[in-house]
Every structure is written in structure tokens, then in C-alpha cells.
């Protein structure tokens, strides 16, 4: 799975029930980062450089913010038919 599919899918799986005001611990965020990195097939933890890691971190943070504050917009923009099928498989 590429990065642009992994981020929305993992964030949807982990944070779909959250609402504004819910607390997300640093540990939860790091577990989300680890899961995104593990699901990506175009790099590994060993080959990941600092700049790419920071880019993934920003993408995950923005996706979490979007799903919590504007779930409808998140679903319309990020959840393609393929990702929806992956969620239900």
C-alpha cells in the first residue's frame, strides 16, 4: 500500500469514533505512525530518512485533525472506493 492510501485508512480505523475534545496520547499517535509505516510498501523503517518521517508525521496529524473536526469532508476527500473496500475486508 502506498503512503497516500495508508494514512487515511489507518487514521479512519483508529480514530473514527473520536470527537472534538477527546484526548489522543502521544503513545496513540506513535502507534498510528508505526502502523502507517508498516503498511507502506515503498519504504521500510530502516530506509526511512528524517525528512520523510516528518512528512508522514504531518500527514497523520492533519488526517487526525480532519477526521475529528470534519468527518464528512474527510470521508468525501480521502476515502476512495478502494479504501472503503479495504476497511470492510
N, C-alpha and C. Protein backbone atom coordinates (compact mmCIF):
# COMPACT_ATOMS: atom_id res chain seq x y z
N UNK A 1 0.86 -1.17 0.00
CA UNK A 1 0.00 0.00 0.00
C UNK A 1 0.91 1.23 0.00
N UNK A 2 0.54 2.24 -0.76
CA UNK A 2 1.37 3.44 -0.75
C UNK A 2 0.96 4.37 0.39
N UNK A 3 1.77 5.37 0.63
CA UNK A 3 1.58 6.28 1.76
C UNK A 3 0.24 7.01 1.70
N UNK A 4 -0.17 7.40 0.49
CA UNK A 4 -1.40 8.18 0.35
C UNK A 4 -2.66 7.34 0.54
N UNK A 5 -2.53 6.03 0.51
CA UNK A 5 -3.63 5.14 0.87
C UNK A 5 -3.55 4.75 2.34
N UNK A 6 -2.34 4.55 2.83
CA UNK A 6 -2.14 4.07 4.20
C UNK A 6 -2.59 5.08 5.25
N UNK A 7 -2.25 6.35 5.07
CA UNK A 7 -2.58 7.36 6.08
C UNK A 7 -4.09 7.46 6.31
N UNK A 8 -4.91 7.69 5.26
CA UNK A 8 -6.35 7.81 5.54
C UNK A 8 -6.97 6.53 6.08
N UNK A 9 -6.50 5.39 5.61
CA UNK A 9 -7.06 4.12 6.06
C UNK A 9 -6.76 3.87 7.53
N UNK A 10 -5.53 4.04 7.94
CA UNK A 10 -5.13 3.80 9.33
C UNK A 10 -5.81 4.80 10.25
N UNK A 11 -5.84 6.06 9.87
CA UNK A 11 -6.47 7.09 10.70
C UNK A 11 -7.96 6.80 10.84
N UNK A 12 -8.62 6.38 9.77
CA UNK A 12 -10.05 6.05 9.84
C UNK A 12 -10.27 4.87 10.78
N UNK A 13 -9.44 3.85 10.69
CA UNK A 13 -9.58 2.68 11.55
C UNK A 13 -9.38 3.02 13.03
N UNK A 14 -8.42 3.88 13.31
CA UNK A 14 -8.05 4.15 14.71
C UNK A 14 -8.87 5.27 15.35
N UNK A 15 -9.31 6.25 14.58
CA UNK A 15 -9.90 7.46 15.19
C UNK A 15 -11.32 7.75 14.72
N UNK A 16 -11.99 6.81 14.10
CA UNK A 16 -13.32 7.06 13.56
C UNK A 16 -14.33 7.44 14.64
N UNK A 17 -14.22 6.91 15.84
CA UNK A 17 -15.18 7.20 16.90
C UNK A 17 -14.86 8.42 17.74
N UNK A 18 -13.74 9.05 17.49
CA UNK A 18 -13.32 10.21 18.28
C UNK A 18 -14.12 11.45 17.89
N UNK A 19 -14.29 12.35 18.85
CA UNK A 19 -14.95 13.65 18.60
C UNK A 19 -14.05 14.75 19.13
N UNK A 20 -14.32 15.97 18.72
CA UNK A 20 -13.54 17.11 19.18
C UNK A 20 -13.56 17.14 20.70
N UNK A 21 -12.42 17.33 21.29
CA UNK A 21 -12.29 17.35 22.75
C UNK A 21 -11.75 16.06 23.32
N UNK A 22 -11.80 14.96 22.55
CA UNK A 22 -11.21 13.70 23.01
C UNK A 22 -9.69 13.83 23.05
N UNK A 23 -9.10 13.17 24.00
CA UNK A 23 -7.66 13.22 24.17
C UNK A 23 -6.99 12.10 23.37
N UNK A 24 -5.92 12.45 22.67
CA UNK A 24 -5.11 11.47 21.95
C UNK A 24 -3.72 11.53 22.56
N UNK A 25 -3.30 10.43 23.13
CA UNK A 25 -2.00 10.41 23.81
C UNK A 25 -0.87 10.36 22.78
N UNK A 26 0.29 10.72 23.23
CA UNK A 26 1.49 10.64 22.39
C UNK A 26 1.73 9.19 21.96
N UNK A 27 1.45 8.27 22.87
CA UNK A 27 1.62 6.84 22.56
C UNK A 27 0.67 6.41 21.45
N UNK A 28 -0.61 6.84 21.52
CA UNK A 28 -1.56 6.51 20.45
C UNK A 28 -1.09 7.06 19.11
N UNK A 29 -0.61 8.30 19.14
CA UNK A 29 -0.12 8.92 17.91
C UNK A 29 1.06 8.13 17.35
N UNK A 30 1.98 7.73 18.21
CA UNK A 30 3.15 6.98 17.76
C UNK A 30 2.76 5.60 17.23
N UNK A 31 1.78 4.97 17.84
CA UNK A 31 1.29 3.68 17.33
C UNK A 31 0.68 3.85 15.95
N UNK A 32 -0.01 4.95 15.74
CA UNK A 32 -0.58 5.24 14.42
C UNK A 32 0.53 5.43 13.40
N UNK A 33 1.56 6.18 13.78
CA UNK A 33 2.71 6.38 12.89
C UNK A 33 3.35 5.04 12.53
N UNK A 34 3.56 4.19 13.52
CA UNK A 34 4.18 2.88 13.28
C UNK A 34 3.34 2.04 12.33
N UNK A 35 2.03 2.07 12.52
CA UNK A 35 1.15 1.28 11.67
C UNK A 35 1.18 1.78 10.22
N UNK A 36 1.18 3.10 10.05
CA UNK A 36 1.27 3.67 8.70
C UNK A 36 2.57 3.23 8.03
N UNK A 37 3.67 3.36 8.74
CA UNK A 37 4.97 2.99 8.19
C UNK A 37 5.02 1.50 7.85
N UNK A 38 4.45 0.66 8.71
CA UNK A 38 4.45 -0.78 8.47
C UNK A 38 3.58 -1.17 7.26
N UNK A 39 2.51 -0.44 7.02
CA UNK A 39 1.64 -0.78 5.90
C UNK A 39 2.16 -0.30 4.55
N UNK A 40 3.07 0.65 4.56
CA UNK A 40 3.62 1.18 3.31
C UNK A 40 4.62 0.20 2.71
N UNK A 41 4.49 -0.02 1.41
CA UNK A 41 5.38 -0.97 0.74
C UNK A 41 6.52 -0.28 0.00
N UNK A 42 6.50 1.05 -0.10
CA UNK A 42 7.55 1.73 -0.86
C UNK A 42 8.73 2.18 -0.01
N UNK A 43 8.73 1.87 1.30
CA UNK A 43 9.88 2.10 2.16
C UNK A 43 9.77 1.23 3.39
N UNK A 44 10.86 1.12 4.14
CA UNK A 44 10.88 0.36 5.39
C UNK A 44 11.33 1.29 6.51
N UNK A 45 11.22 0.84 7.72
CA UNK A 45 11.71 1.64 8.86
C UNK A 45 13.20 1.94 8.72
N UNK A 46 13.94 0.97 8.21
CA UNK A 46 15.38 1.13 8.08
C UNK A 46 15.75 2.14 7.00
N UNK A 47 14.95 2.21 5.94
CA UNK A 47 15.27 3.12 4.83
C UNK A 47 14.65 4.51 4.99
N UNK A 48 13.89 4.70 6.04
CA UNK A 48 13.17 5.95 6.25
C UNK A 48 14.13 7.04 6.75
N UNK A 49 14.19 8.16 6.03
CA UNK A 49 15.03 9.26 6.48
C UNK A 49 14.20 10.25 7.30
N UNK A 50 14.86 11.18 7.93
CA UNK A 50 14.21 12.12 8.85
C UNK A 50 13.16 12.98 8.14
N UNK A 51 13.49 13.46 6.96
CA UNK A 51 12.56 14.32 6.22
C UNK A 51 11.27 13.58 5.87
N UNK A 52 11.38 12.34 5.42
CA UNK A 52 10.20 11.55 5.09
C UNK A 52 9.39 11.24 6.34
N UNK A 53 10.07 10.93 7.43
CA UNK A 53 9.39 10.67 8.70
C UNK A 53 8.57 11.90 9.12
N UNK A 54 9.16 13.08 9.01
CA UNK A 54 8.46 14.31 9.40
C UNK A 54 7.28 14.59 8.47
N UNK A 55 7.40 14.25 7.20
CA UNK A 55 6.30 14.41 6.27
C UNK A 55 5.15 13.47 6.63
N UNK A 56 5.46 12.24 6.96
CA UNK A 56 4.43 11.28 7.38
C UNK A 56 3.76 11.77 8.66
N UNK A 57 4.56 12.26 9.58
CA UNK A 57 4.03 12.79 10.85
C UNK A 57 3.02 13.92 10.60
N UNK A 58 3.37 14.81 9.70
CA UNK A 58 2.47 15.92 9.35
C UNK A 58 1.19 15.40 8.70
N UNK A 59 1.33 14.44 7.80
CA UNK A 59 0.15 13.87 7.13
C UNK A 59 -0.78 13.21 8.14
N UNK A 60 -0.22 12.43 9.06
CA UNK A 60 -1.03 11.75 10.07
C UNK A 60 -1.72 12.77 10.98
N UNK A 61 -0.99 13.76 11.41
CA UNK A 61 -1.55 14.80 12.28
C UNK A 61 -2.70 15.53 11.59
N UNK A 62 -2.51 15.90 10.34
CA UNK A 62 -3.56 16.59 9.59
C UNK A 62 -4.78 15.70 9.37
N UNK A 63 -4.54 14.43 9.10
CA UNK A 63 -5.65 13.50 8.88
C UNK A 63 -6.46 13.30 10.16
N UNK A 64 -5.78 13.19 11.30
CA UNK A 64 -6.48 13.05 12.58
C UNK A 64 -7.32 14.29 12.85
N UNK A 65 -6.73 15.45 12.64
CA UNK A 65 -7.46 16.71 12.84
C UNK A 65 -8.69 16.78 11.95
N UNK A 66 -8.54 16.38 10.70
CA UNK A 66 -9.66 16.42 9.76
C UNK A 66 -10.76 15.44 10.14
N UNK A 67 -10.41 14.22 10.52
CA UNK A 67 -11.46 13.23 10.85
C UNK A 67 -12.20 13.61 12.12
N UNK A 68 -11.51 14.27 13.04
CA UNK A 68 -12.15 14.65 14.30
C UNK A 68 -13.04 15.88 14.12
N UNK A 69 -12.59 16.83 13.33
CA UNK A 69 -13.31 18.10 13.22
C UNK A 69 -14.23 18.21 12.01
N UNK A 70 -14.02 17.37 10.99
CA UNK A 70 -14.85 17.46 9.79
C UNK A 70 -14.95 16.08 9.13
N UNK A 71 -15.61 15.17 9.81
CA UNK A 71 -15.67 13.77 9.36
C UNK A 71 -16.28 13.64 7.96
N UNK A 72 -17.30 14.41 7.67
CA UNK A 72 -17.94 14.32 6.35
C UNK A 72 -16.96 14.69 5.24
N UNK A 73 -16.24 15.77 5.44
CA UNK A 73 -15.24 16.21 4.46
C UNK A 73 -14.12 15.16 4.34
N UNK A 74 -13.73 14.57 5.45
CA UNK A 74 -12.70 13.52 5.45
C UNK A 74 -13.15 12.35 4.58
N UNK A 75 -14.37 11.90 4.79
CA UNK A 75 -14.88 10.76 4.02
C UNK A 75 -14.97 11.10 2.53
N UNK A 76 -15.40 12.31 2.21
CA UNK A 76 -15.53 12.69 0.80
C UNK A 76 -14.18 12.81 0.11
N UNK A 77 -13.19 13.36 0.80
CA UNK A 77 -11.90 13.63 0.17
C UNK A 77 -10.94 12.45 0.20
N UNK A 78 -10.94 11.69 1.27
CA UNK A 78 -9.88 10.70 1.46
C UNK A 78 -10.32 9.25 1.27
N UNK A 79 -11.57 8.96 1.47
CA UNK A 79 -11.99 7.56 1.43
C UNK A 79 -12.50 7.19 0.04
N UNK A 80 -11.60 6.68 -0.80
CA UNK A 80 -11.96 6.23 -2.13
C UNK A 80 -12.68 4.88 -2.01
N UNK A 81 -13.27 4.45 -3.09
CA UNK A 81 -13.97 3.15 -3.09
C UNK A 81 -13.03 2.01 -2.71
N UNK A 82 -11.77 2.07 -3.19
CA UNK A 82 -10.81 1.03 -2.86
C UNK A 82 -10.53 0.98 -1.37
N UNK A 83 -10.36 2.15 -0.74
CA UNK A 83 -10.08 2.18 0.69
C UNK A 83 -11.30 1.73 1.49
N UNK A 84 -12.49 2.06 1.04
CA UNK A 84 -13.70 1.61 1.72
C UNK A 84 -13.80 0.09 1.65
N UNK A 85 -13.47 -0.47 0.49
CA UNK A 85 -13.46 -1.94 0.36
C UNK A 85 -12.44 -2.57 1.30
N UNK A 86 -11.26 -1.94 1.43
CA UNK A 86 -10.22 -2.45 2.34
C UNK A 86 -10.69 -2.43 3.80
N UNK A 87 -11.45 -1.42 4.18
CA UNK A 87 -11.95 -1.34 5.55
C UNK A 87 -12.90 -2.48 5.86
N UNK A 88 -13.69 -2.90 4.87
CA UNK A 88 -14.70 -3.92 5.11
C UNK A 88 -14.19 -5.33 4.84
N UNK A 89 -12.95 -5.46 4.37
CA UNK A 89 -12.44 -6.82 4.08
C UNK A 89 -11.75 -7.43 5.29
